[in-house]
All heavy atoms as atom14 arrays in JSON, in Angstrom:
{
  "sequence": "SIKMHKIPLRSARFWVLSAPDVPSVLIELGYMSSPKDAELLNSPEW",
  "atom14_mask": [
    [1, 1, 1, 1, 1, 1, 0, 0, 0, 0, 0, 0, 0, 0],
    [1, 1, 1, 1, 1, 1, 1, 1, 0, 0, 0, 0, 0, 0],
    [1, 1, 1, 1, 1, 1, 1, 1, 1, 0, 0, 0, 0, 0],
    [1, 1, 1, 1, 1, 1, 1, 1, 0, 0, 0, 0, 0, 0],
    [1, 1, 1, 1, 1, 1, 1, 1, 1, 1, 0, 0, 0, 0],
    [1, 1, 1, 1, 1, 1, 1, 1, 1, 0, 0, 0, 0, 0],
    [1, 1, 1, 1, 1, 1, 1, 1, 0, 0, 0, 0, 0, 0],
    [1, 1, 1, 1, 1, 1, 1, 0, 0, 0, 0, 0, 0, 0],
    [1, 1, 1, 1, 1, 1, 1, 1, 0, 0, 0, 0, 0, 0],
    [1, 1, 1, 1, 1, 1, 1, 1, 1, 1, 1, 0, 0, 0],
    [1, 1, 1, 1, 1, 1, 0, 0, 0, 0, 0, 0, 0, 0],
    [1, 1, 1, 1, 1, 0, 0, 0, 0, 0, 0, 0, 0, 0],
    [1, 1, 1, 1, 1, 1, 1, 1, 1, 1, 1, 0, 0, 0],
    [1, 1, 1, 1, 1, 1, 1, 1, 1, 1, 1, 0, 0, 0],
    [1, 1, 1, 1, 1, 1, 1, 1, 1, 1, 1, 1, 1, 1],
    [1, 1, 1, 1, 1, 1, 1, 0, 0, 0, 0, 0, 0, 0],
    [1, 1, 1, 1, 1, 1, 1, 1, 0, 0, 0, 0, 0, 0],
    [1, 1, 1, 1, 1, 1, 0, 0, 0, 0, 0, 0, 0, 0],
    [1, 1, 1, 1, 1, 0, 0, 0, 0, 0, 0, 0, 0, 0],
    [1, 1, 1, 1, 1, 1, 1, 0, 0, 0, 0, 0, 0, 0],
    [1, 1, 1, 1, 1, 1, 1, 1, 0, 0, 0, 0, 0, 0],
    [1, 1, 1, 1, 1, 1, 1, 0, 0, 0, 0, 0, 0, 0],
    [1, 1, 1, 1, 1, 1, 1, 0, 0, 0, 0, 0, 0, 0],
    [1, 1, 1, 1, 1, 1, 0, 0, 0, 0, 0, 0, 0, 0],
    [1, 1, 1, 1, 1, 1, 1, 0, 0, 0, 0, 0, 0, 0],
    [1, 1, 1, 1, 1, 1, 1, 1, 0, 0, 0, 0, 0, 0],
    [1, 1, 1, 1, 1, 1, 1, 1, 0, 0, 0, 0, 0, 0],
    [1, 1, 1, 1, 1, 1, 1, 1, 1, 0, 0, 0, 0, 0],
    [1, 1, 1, 1, 1, 1, 1, 1, 0, 0, 0, 0, 0, 0],
    [1, 1, 1, 1, 0, 0, 0, 0, 0, 0, 0, 0, 0, 0],
    [1, 1, 1, 1, 1, 1, 1, 1, 1, 1, 1, 1, 0, 0],
    [1, 1, 1, 1, 1, 1, 1, 1, 0, 0, 0, 0, 0, 0],
    [1, 1, 1, 1, 1, 1, 0, 0, 0, 0, 0, 0, 0, 0],
    [1, 1, 1, 1, 1, 1, 0, 0, 0, 0, 0, 0, 0, 0],
    [1, 1, 1, 1, 1, 1, 1, 0, 0, 0, 0, 0, 0, 0],
    [1, 1, 1, 1, 1, 1, 1, 1, 1, 0, 0, 0, 0, 0],
    [1, 1, 1, 1, 1, 1, 1, 1, 0, 0, 0, 0, 0, 0],
    [1, 1, 1, 1, 1, 0, 0, 0, 0, 0, 0, 0, 0, 0],
    [1, 1, 1, 1, 1, 1, 1, 1, 1, 0, 0, 0, 0, 0],
    [1, 1, 1, 1, 1, 1, 1, 1, 0, 0, 0, 0, 0, 0],
    [1, 1, 1, 1, 1, 1, 1, 1, 0, 0, 0, 0, 0, 0],
    [1, 1, 1, 1, 1, 1, 1, 1, 0, 0, 0, 0, 0, 0],
    [1, 1, 1, 1, 1, 1, 0, 0, 0, 0, 0, 0, 0, 0],
    [1, 1, 1, 1, 1, 1, 1, 0, 0, 0, 0, 0, 0, 0],
    [1, 1, 1, 1, 1, 1, 1, 1, 1, 0, 0, 0, 0, 0],
    [1, 1, 1, 1, 1, 1, 1, 1, 1, 1, 1, 1, 1, 1]
  ],
  "atom14_positions": [
    [[-4.01, 15.27, 7.55], [-5.12, 16.14, 7.31], [-6.28, 15.49, 6.45], [-7.4, 15.82, 6.69], [-4.65, 17.39, 6.57], [-3.73, 18.16, 7.35], [0.0, 0.0, 0.0], [0.0, 0.0, 0.0], [0.0, 0.0, 0.0], [0.0, 0.0, 0.0], [0.0, 0.0, 0.0], [0.0, 0.0, 0.0], [0.0, 0.0, 0.0], [0.0, 0.0, 0.0]],
    [[-5.89, 14.63, 5.54], [-6.91, 14.06, 4.68], [-6.65, 12.53, 4.57], [-5.65, 12.02, 4.92], [-6.86, 14.7, 3.23], [-5.56, 14.39, 2.55], [-7.11, 16.19, 3.34], [-5.49, 14.88, 1.1], [0.0, 0.0, 0.0], [0.0, 0.0, 0.0], [0.0, 0.0, 0.0], [0.0, 0.0, 0.0], [0.0, 0.0, 0.0], [0.0, 0.0, 0.0]],
    [[-7.65, 11.86, 3.94], [-7.56, 10.42, 3.73], [-6.53, 10.14, 2.66], [-6.53, 10.72, 1.56], [-8.95, 9.95, 3.26], [-8.98, 8.51, 2.73], [-8.89, 7.48, 3.8], [-9.05, 6.04, 3.18], [-8.88, 5.03, 4.2], [0.0, 0.0, 0.0], [0.0, 0.0, 0.0], [0.0, 0.0, 0.0], [0.0, 0.0, 0.0], [0.0, 0.0, 0.0]],
    [[-5.65, 9.22, 2.95], [-4.61, 8.78, 1.99], [-4.89, 7.39, 1.46], [-5.54, 6.57, 2.14], [-3.23, 8.84, 2.62], [-2.78, 10.18, 3.15], [-2.59, 11.41, 1.83], [-1.11, 10.8, 1.01], [0.0, 0.0, 0.0], [0.0, 0.0, 0.0], [0.0, 0.0, 0.0], [0.0, 0.0, 0.0], [0.0, 0.0, 0.0], [0.0, 0.0, 0.0]],
    [[-4.4, 7.09, 0.29], [-4.46, 5.71, -0.26], [-3.67, 4.8, 0.61], [-2.74, 5.21, 1.32], [-3.94, 5.71, -1.69], [-4.13, 4.44, -2.45], [-3.3, 3.39, -2.31], [-5.14, 4.08, -3.27], [-3.74, 2.4, -3.09], [-4.85, 2.76, -3.69], [0.0, 0.0, 0.0], [0.0, 0.0, 0.0], [0.0, 0.0, 0.0], [0.0, 0.0, 0.0]],
    [[-4.02, 3.5, 0.62], [-3.29, 2.54, 1.44], [-1.84, 2.43, 1.11], [-1.0, 2.03, 1.88], [-3.99, 1.14, 1.35], [-4.0, 0.53, -0.04], [-4.71, -0.8, -0.01], [-4.72, -1.44, -1.44], [-5.44, -2.73, -1.44], [0.0, 0.0, 0.0], [0.0, 0.0, 0.0], [0.0, 0.0, 0.0], [0.0, 0.0, 0.0], [0.0, 0.0, 0.0]],
    [[-1.5, 2.75, -0.19], [-0.08, 2.85, -0.59], [0.12, 4.32, -1.0], [-0.04, 4.68, -2.15], [0.24, 1.92, -1.75], [-0.19, 0.5, -1.43], [1.77, 1.95, -2.03], [-0.01, -0.5, -2.59], [0.0, 0.0, 0.0], [0.0, 0.0, 0.0], [0.0, 0.0, 0.0], [0.0, 0.0, 0.0], [0.0, 0.0, 0.0], [0.0, 0.0, 0.0]],
    [[0.48, 5.19, -0.09], [0.43, 6.66, -0.36], [1.55, 7.19, -1.19], [1.49, 8.29, -1.71], [0.38, 7.22, 1.05], [1.13, 6.25, 1.89], [0.79, 4.9, 1.3], [0.0, 0.0, 0.0], [0.0, 0.0, 0.0], [0.0, 0.0, 0.0], [0.0, 0.0, 0.0], [0.0, 0.0, 0.0], [0.0, 0.0, 0.0], [0.0, 0.0, 0.0]],
    [[2.63, 6.46, -1.27], [3.86, 6.99, -2.02], [4.24, 5.94, -3.04], [4.58, 4.8, -2.71], [5.0, 7.18, -1.05], [6.33, 7.76, -1.69], [6.02, 9.08, -2.42], [7.39, 7.95, -0.64], [0.0, 0.0, 0.0], [0.0, 0.0, 0.0], [0.0, 0.0, 0.0], [0.0, 0.0, 0.0], [0.0, 0.0, 0.0], [0.0, 0.0, 0.0]],
    [[4.18, 6.31, -4.35], [4.46, 5.39, -5.44], [5.34, 6.13, -6.46], [5.55, 7.33, -6.39], [3.18, 4.92, -6.11], [2.26, 4.06, -5.25], [0.93, 3.89, -5.88], [0.2, 2.79, -5.34], [-1.02, 2.47, -5.69], [-1.67, 3.18, -6.58], [-1.66, 1.44, -5.15], [0.0, 0.0, 0.0], [0.0, 0.0, 0.0], [0.0, 0.0, 0.0]],
    [[5.75, 5.35, -7.45], [6.53, 5.95, -8.51], [6.29, 5.21, -9.85], [5.93, 4.06, -9.8], [8.05, 5.98, -8.18], [8.45, 4.62, -8.07], [0.0, 0.0, 0.0], [0.0, 0.0, 0.0], [0.0, 0.0, 0.0], [0.0, 0.0, 0.0], [0.0, 0.0, 0.0], [0.0, 0.0, 0.0], [0.0, 0.0, 0.0], [0.0, 0.0, 0.0]],
    [[6.43, 5.94, -10.94], [6.32, 5.34, -12.28], [6.88, 6.34, -13.25], [7.32, 7.47, -12.85], [4.85, 5.04, -12.63], [0.0, 0.0, 0.0], [0.0, 0.0, 0.0], [0.0, 0.0, 0.0], [0.0, 0.0, 0.0], [0.0, 0.0, 0.0], [0.0, 0.0, 0.0], [0.0, 0.0, 0.0], [0.0, 0.0, 0.0], [0.0, 0.0, 0.0]],
    [[6.88, 6.01, -14.53], [7.56, 6.79, -15.59], [6.55, 7.92, -16.11], [6.07, 7.83, -17.23], [8.02, 5.92, -16.7], [9.02, 6.59, -17.62], [9.61, 5.54, -18.59], [10.69, 6.09, -19.39], [10.51, 6.65, -20.59], [9.3, 6.75, -21.12], [11.55, 7.1, -21.26], [0.0, 0.0, 0.0], [0.0, 0.0, 0.0], [0.0, 0.0, 0.0]],
    [[6.34, 8.92, -15.24], [5.48, 10.05, -15.66], [6.3, 11.02, -16.48], [7.29, 11.57, -16.02], [4.95, 10.77, -14.44], [3.88, 9.98, -13.67], [4.29, 9.17, -12.6], [2.58, 10.05, -13.98], [3.35, 8.42, -11.88], [1.62, 9.33, -13.28], [2.0, 8.5, -12.2], [0.0, 0.0, 0.0], [0.0, 0.0, 0.0], [0.0, 0.0, 0.0]],
    [[5.83, 11.33, -17.69], [6.5, 12.24, -18.58], [6.55, 13.62, -17.93], [7.58, 14.31, -17.95], [5.79, 12.32, -19.93], [6.37, 13.2, -20.91], [7.5, 14.01, -20.77], [5.94, 13.4, -22.24], [7.81, 14.69, -21.93], [6.85, 14.37, -22.85], [4.91, 12.93, -23.0], [6.69, 14.77, -24.17], [4.75, 13.32, -24.33], [5.62, 14.24, -24.88]],
    [[5.49, 14.07, -17.27], [5.42, 15.45, -16.75], [6.41, 15.64, -15.59], [6.72, 16.8, -15.28], [3.98, 15.77, -16.31], [3.65, 15.16, -14.95], [3.72, 17.26, -16.33], [0.0, 0.0, 0.0], [0.0, 0.0, 0.0], [0.0, 0.0, 0.0], [0.0, 0.0, 0.0], [0.0, 0.0, 0.0], [0.0, 0.0, 0.0], [0.0, 0.0, 0.0]],
    [[6.95, 14.53, -15.08], [7.95, 14.67, -13.99], [9.37, 14.49, -14.49], [10.3, 14.14, -13.7], [7.61, 13.64, -12.86], [6.22, 13.66, -12.28], [6.1, 12.61, -11.19], [5.9, 15.05, -11.72], [0.0, 0.0, 0.0], [0.0, 0.0, 0.0], [0.0, 0.0, 0.0], [0.0, 0.0, 0.0], [0.0, 0.0, 0.0], [0.0, 0.0, 0.0]],
    [[9.61, 14.66, -15.79], [10.9, 14.22, -16.4], [11.99, 15.28, -16.31], [13.11, 14.97, -16.79], [10.67, 13.78, -17.83], [10.2, 14.89, -18.6], [0.0, 0.0, 0.0], [0.0, 0.0, 0.0], [0.0, 0.0, 0.0], [0.0, 0.0, 0.0], [0.0, 0.0, 0.0], [0.0, 0.0, 0.0], [0.0, 0.0, 0.0], [0.0, 0.0, 0.0]],
    [[11.77, 16.47, -15.84], [12.81, 17.47, -15.81], [13.99, 16.99, -14.93], [13.79, 16.6, -13.79], [12.3, 18.78, -15.22], [0.0, 0.0, 0.0], [0.0, 0.0, 0.0], [0.0, 0.0, 0.0], [0.0, 0.0, 0.0], [0.0, 0.0, 0.0], [0.0, 0.0, 0.0], [0.0, 0.0, 0.0], [0.0, 0.0, 0.0], [0.0, 0.0, 0.0]],
    [[15.22, 16.89, -15.49], [16.32, 16.3, -14.76], [16.86, 17.19, -13.64], [17.6, 16.79, -12.78], [17.4, 16.13, -15.82], [17.09, 17.23, -16.81], [15.59, 17.38, -16.83], [0.0, 0.0, 0.0], [0.0, 0.0, 0.0], [0.0, 0.0, 0.0], [0.0, 0.0, 0.0], [0.0, 0.0, 0.0], [0.0, 0.0, 0.0], [0.0, 0.0, 0.0]],
    [[16.47, 18.51, -13.68], [17.04, 19.45, -12.72], [15.98, 20.18, -11.85], [16.28, 21.14, -11.23], [17.9, 20.53, -13.48], [17.08, 21.06, -14.71], [16.02, 20.52, -15.03], [17.62, 22.01, -15.35], [0.0, 0.0, 0.0], [0.0, 0.0, 0.0], [0.0, 0.0, 0.0], [0.0, 0.0, 0.0], [0.0, 0.0, 0.0], [0.0, 0.0, 0.0]],
    [[14.79, 19.63, -11.84], [13.72, 20.2, -11.03], [13.04, 19.13, -10.17], [12.46, 18.19, -10.76], [12.63, 20.87, -11.9], [11.53, 21.47, -11.02], [13.22, 22.0, -12.8], [0.0, 0.0, 0.0], [0.0, 0.0, 0.0], [0.0, 0.0, 0.0], [0.0, 0.0, 0.0], [0.0, 0.0, 0.0], [0.0, 0.0, 0.0], [0.0, 0.0, 0.0]],
    [[13.15, 19.13, -8.84], [12.43, 18.2, -8.03], [10.95, 18.26, -8.34], [10.31, 19.35, -8.26], [12.73, 18.66, -6.59], [14.04, 19.38, -6.71], [13.97, 20.09, -8.06], [0.0, 0.0, 0.0], [0.0, 0.0, 0.0], [0.0, 0.0, 0.0], [0.0, 0.0, 0.0], [0.0, 0.0, 0.0], [0.0, 0.0, 0.0], [0.0, 0.0, 0.0]],
    [[10.36, 17.09, -8.72], [8.94, 17.1, -9.24], [8.15, 15.98, -8.65], [8.65, 14.86, -8.52], [9.0, 16.96, -10.79], [9.81, 17.94, -11.4], [0.0, 0.0, 0.0], [0.0, 0.0, 0.0], [0.0, 0.0, 0.0], [0.0, 0.0, 0.0], [0.0, 0.0, 0.0], [0.0, 0.0, 0.0], [0.0, 0.0, 0.0], [0.0, 0.0, 0.0]],
    [[6.93, 16.27, -8.24], [6.02, 15.27, -7.75], [4.66, 15.44, -8.42], [4.28, 16.53, -8.92], [5.83, 15.3, -6.23], [7.15, 15.11, -5.49], [5.21, 16.6, -5.77], [0.0, 0.0, 0.0], [0.0, 0.0, 0.0], [0.0, 0.0, 0.0], [0.0, 0.0, 0.0], [0.0, 0.0, 0.0], [0.0, 0.0, 0.0], [0.0, 0.0, 0.0]],
    [[3.9, 14.4, -8.43], [2.52, 14.4, -8.95], [1.63, 13.95, -7.78], [1.84, 12.89, -7.2], [2.39, 13.5, -10.15], [1.03, 13.51, -10.86], [1.22, 13.22, -12.39], [0.1, 12.42, -10.28], [0.0, 0.0, 0.0], [0.0, 0.0, 0.0], [0.0, 0.0, 0.0], [0.0, 0.0, 0.0], [0.0, 0.0, 0.0], [0.0, 0.0, 0.0]],
    [[0.61, 14.76, -7.47], [-0.34, 14.46, -6.43], [-1.66, 14.04, -7.04], [-2.25, 14.86, -7.79], [-0.57, 15.65, -5.46], [0.75, 16.18, -4.89], [-1.5, 15.23, -4.35], [0.58, 17.44, -4.06], [0.0, 0.0, 0.0], [0.0, 0.0, 0.0], [0.0, 0.0, 0.0], [0.0, 0.0, 0.0], [0.0, 0.0, 0.0], [0.0, 0.0, 0.0]],
    [[-2.09, 12.84, -6.8], [-3.45, 12.41, -7.11], [-4.26, 12.71, -5.88], [-4.14, 12.08, -4.83], [-3.48, 10.94, -7.46], [-2.88, 10.59, -8.78], [-3.72, 11.01, -9.99], [-4.92, 11.32, -9.78], [-3.23, 11.05, -11.1], [0.0, 0.0, 0.0], [0.0, 0.0, 0.0], [0.0, 0.0, 0.0], [0.0, 0.0, 0.0], [0.0, 0.0, 0.0]],
    [[-5.12, 13.73, -5.94], [-5.86, 14.2, -4.77], [-6.84, 13.13, -4.24], [-7.23, 13.16, -3.08], [-6.61, 15.44, -5.09], [-5.78, 16.65, -5.49], [-6.65, 17.84, -5.98], [-4.96, 17.15, -4.32], [0.0, 0.0, 0.0], [0.0, 0.0, 0.0], [0.0, 0.0, 0.0], [0.0, 0.0, 0.0], [0.0, 0.0, 0.0], [0.0, 0.0, 0.0]],
    [[-7.33, 12.27, -5.11], [-8.28, 11.24, -4.74], [-8.84, 10.61, -5.98], [-8.34, 10.83, -7.11], [0.0, 0.0, 0.0], [0.0, 0.0, 0.0], [0.0, 0.0, 0.0], [0.0, 0.0, 0.0], [0.0, 0.0, 0.0], [0.0, 0.0, 0.0], [0.0, 0.0, 0.0], [0.0, 0.0, 0.0], [0.0, 0.0, 0.0], [0.0, 0.0, 0.0]],
    [[-9.87, 9.79, -5.8], [-10.5, 9.1, -6.88], [-11.87, 9.66, -7.2], [-12.78, 9.54, -6.36], [-10.59, 7.59, -6.58], [-9.23, 6.9, -6.58], [-8.42, 6.98, -5.51], [-8.83, 6.17, -7.68], [-7.17, 6.3, -5.5], [-7.58, 5.55, -7.72], [-6.77, 5.63, -6.6], [-5.55, 5.01, -6.61], [0.0, 0.0, 0.0], [0.0, 0.0, 0.0]],
    [[-12.04, 10.22, -8.36], [-13.34, 10.79, -8.69], [-14.38, 9.67, -8.87], [-15.57, 9.91, -8.83], [-13.23, 11.59, -9.95], [-12.39, 12.9, -9.77], [-12.24, 13.88, -11.3], [-13.95, 14.35, -11.6], [0.0, 0.0, 0.0], [0.0, 0.0, 0.0], [0.0, 0.0, 0.0], [0.0, 0.0, 0.0], [0.0, 0.0, 0.0], [0.0, 0.0, 0.0]],
    [[-13.95, 8.46, -9.08], [-14.87, 7.33, -9.17], [-15.41, 6.91, -7.81], [-16.4, 6.12, -7.76], [-14.13, 6.15, -9.83], [-12.89, 5.92, -9.18], [0.0, 0.0, 0.0], [0.0, 0.0, 0.0], [0.0, 0.0, 0.0], [0.0, 0.0, 0.0], [0.0, 0.0, 0.0], [0.0, 0.0, 0.0], [0.0, 0.0, 0.0], [0.0, 0.0, 0.0]],
    [[-14.82, 7.37, -6.73], [-15.36, 7.11, -5.41], [-16.35, 8.17, -5.01], [-16.0, 9.38, -5.0], [-14.21, 7.07, -4.37], [-14.68, 7.34, -3.07], [0.0, 0.0, 0.0], [0.0, 0.0, 0.0], [0.0, 0.0, 0.0], [0.0, 0.0, 0.0], [0.0, 0.0, 0.0], [0.0, 0.0, 0.0], [0.0, 0.0, 0.0], [0.0, 0.0, 0.0]],
    [[-17.57, 7.84, -4.76], [-18.58, 8.82, -4.37], [-18.09, 9.73, -3.24], [-18.36, 10.96, -3.25], [-19.81, 8.04, -4.05], [-19.7, 6.72, -4.77], [-18.21, 6.5, -4.8], [0.0, 0.0, 0.0], [0.0, 0.0, 0.0], [0.0, 0.0, 0.0], [0.0, 0.0, 0.0], [0.0, 0.0, 0.0], [0.0, 0.0, 0.0], [0.0, 0.0, 0.0]],
    [[-17.46, 9.16, -2.25], [-16.99, 9.94, -1.12], [-15.89, 10.88, -1.53], [-15.9, 12.06, -1.16], [-16.52, 9.01, 0.01], [-16.06, 9.72, 1.28], [-17.19, 10.55, 1.88], [-16.77, 11.22, 3.16], [-17.84, 12.09, 3.74], [0.0, 0.0, 0.0], [0.0, 0.0, 0.0], [0.0, 0.0, 0.0], [0.0, 0.0, 0.0], [0.0, 0.0, 0.0]],
    [[-14.91, 10.36, -2.24], [-13.83, 11.22, -2.72], [-14.33, 12.35, -3.63], [-13.89, 13.48, -3.55], [-12.74, 10.43, -3.45], [-11.7, 9.87, -2.52], [-11.87, 9.96, -1.26], [-10.69, 9.31, -3.0], [0.0, 0.0, 0.0], [0.0, 0.0, 0.0], [0.0, 0.0, 0.0], [0.0, 0.0, 0.0], [0.0, 0.0, 0.0], [0.0, 0.0, 0.0]],
    [[-15.25, 12.02, -4.53], [-15.79, 13.0, -5.42], [-16.45, 14.13, -4.69], [-16.35, 15.32, -5.0], [-16.84, 12.38, -6.37], [0.0, 0.0, 0.0], [0.0, 0.0, 0.0], [0.0, 0.0, 0.0], [0.0, 0.0, 0.0], [0.0, 0.0, 0.0], [0.0, 0.0, 0.0], [0.0, 0.0, 0.0], [0.0, 0.0, 0.0], [0.0, 0.0, 0.0]],
    [[-17.16, 13.76, -3.6], [-17.82, 14.77, -2.76], [-16.74, 15.69, -2.1], [-16.9, 16.88, -2.11], [-18.66, 14.13, -1.7], [-19.33, 15.06, -0.71], [-20.08, 14.32, 0.39], [-20.22, 13.11, 0.29], [-20.44, 15.0, 1.35], [0.0, 0.0, 0.0], [0.0, 0.0, 0.0], [0.0, 0.0, 0.0], [0.0, 0.0, 0.0], [0.0, 0.0, 0.0]],
    [[-15.73, 15.09, -1.62], [-14.67, 15.86, -0.92], [-13.91, 16.72, -1.89], [-13.55, 17.89, -1.57], [-13.7, 14.93, -0.21], [-14.28, 14.14, 0.98], [-13.27, 13.15, 1.55], [-14.69, 15.14, 2.12], [0.0, 0.0, 0.0], [0.0, 0.0, 0.0], [0.0, 0.0, 0.0], [0.0, 0.0, 0.0], [0.0, 0.0, 0.0], [0.0, 0.0, 0.0]],
    [[-13.6, 16.2, -3.08], [-12.84, 16.96, -4.08], [-13.51, 18.26, -4.48], [-12.85, 19.2, -4.88], [-12.57, 16.09, -5.33], [-11.58, 14.99, -5.16], [-11.63, 14.03, -6.37], [-10.16, 15.48, -4.99], [0.0, 0.0, 0.0], [0.0, 0.0, 0.0], [0.0, 0.0, 0.0], [0.0, 0.0, 0.0], [0.0, 0.0, 0.0], [0.0, 0.0, 0.0]],
    [[-14.84, 18.32, -4.32], [-15.58, 19.52, -4.65], [-15.99, 20.31, -3.43], [-16.74, 21.28, -3.51], [-16.85, 19.13, -5.46], [-16.58, 18.72, -6.87], [-16.29, 19.52, -7.71], [-16.53, 17.39, -7.08], [0.0, 0.0, 0.0], [0.0, 0.0, 0.0], [0.0, 0.0, 0.0], [0.0, 0.0, 0.0], [0.0, 0.0, 0.0], [0.0, 0.0, 0.0]],
    [[-15.39, 19.93, -2.28], [-15.68, 20.64, -1.01], [-14.63, 21.73, -0.72], [-13.46, 21.38, -0.58], [-15.72, 19.64, 0.14], [-15.62, 20.33, 1.36], [0.0, 0.0, 0.0], [0.0, 0.0, 0.0], [0.0, 0.0, 0.0], [0.0, 0.0, 0.0], [0.0, 0.0, 0.0], [0.0, 0.0, 0.0], [0.0, 0.0, 0.0], [0.0, 0.0, 0.0]],
    [[-15.02, 22.98, -0.61], [-14.07, 23.99, -0.26], [-13.35, 23.74, 1.1], [-12.17, 24.06, 1.27], [-14.91, 25.29, -0.21], [-16.05, 25.02, -1.1], [-16.31, 23.56, -0.89], [0.0, 0.0, 0.0], [0.0, 0.0, 0.0], [0.0, 0.0, 0.0], [0.0, 0.0, 0.0], [0.0, 0.0, 0.0], [0.0, 0.0, 0.0], [0.0, 0.0, 0.0]],
    [[-14.05, 23.14, 2.02], [-13.5, 22.88, 3.35], [-12.38, 21.81, 3.2], [-11.31, 21.96, 3.75], [-14.58, 22.36, 4.3], [-14.06, 22.03, 5.65], [-15.16, 21.5, 6.62], [-16.36, 21.42, 6.16], [-14.82, 21.16, 7.76], [0.0, 0.0, 0.0], [0.0, 0.0, 0.0], [0.0, 0.0, 0.0], [0.0, 0.0, 0.0], [0.0, 0.0, 0.0]],
    [[-12.69, 20.72, 2.43], [-11.66, 19.71, 2.26], [-10.47, 20.29, 1.48], [-9.35, 20.0, 1.84], [-12.24, 18.53, 1.49], [-11.28, 17.43, 1.16], [-11.03, 16.35, 1.97], [-10.37, 17.34, 0.07], [-10.03, 15.58, 1.39], [-9.62, 16.18, 0.24], [-10.12, 18.15, -1.03], [-8.64, 15.78, -0.69], [-9.17, 17.74, -1.95], [-8.43, 16.59, -1.78]]
  ]
}
């Protein structure tokens, strides 16, 4: 449905995902530093 990063699935030691008994993911919707992504992030259609 939307543009994905060239490496779309990654992992690291995120504190907010640390619950041992709750499946947890973090979604980075895009890069606000990218003019195109910034435009899309503020688009109701996107």
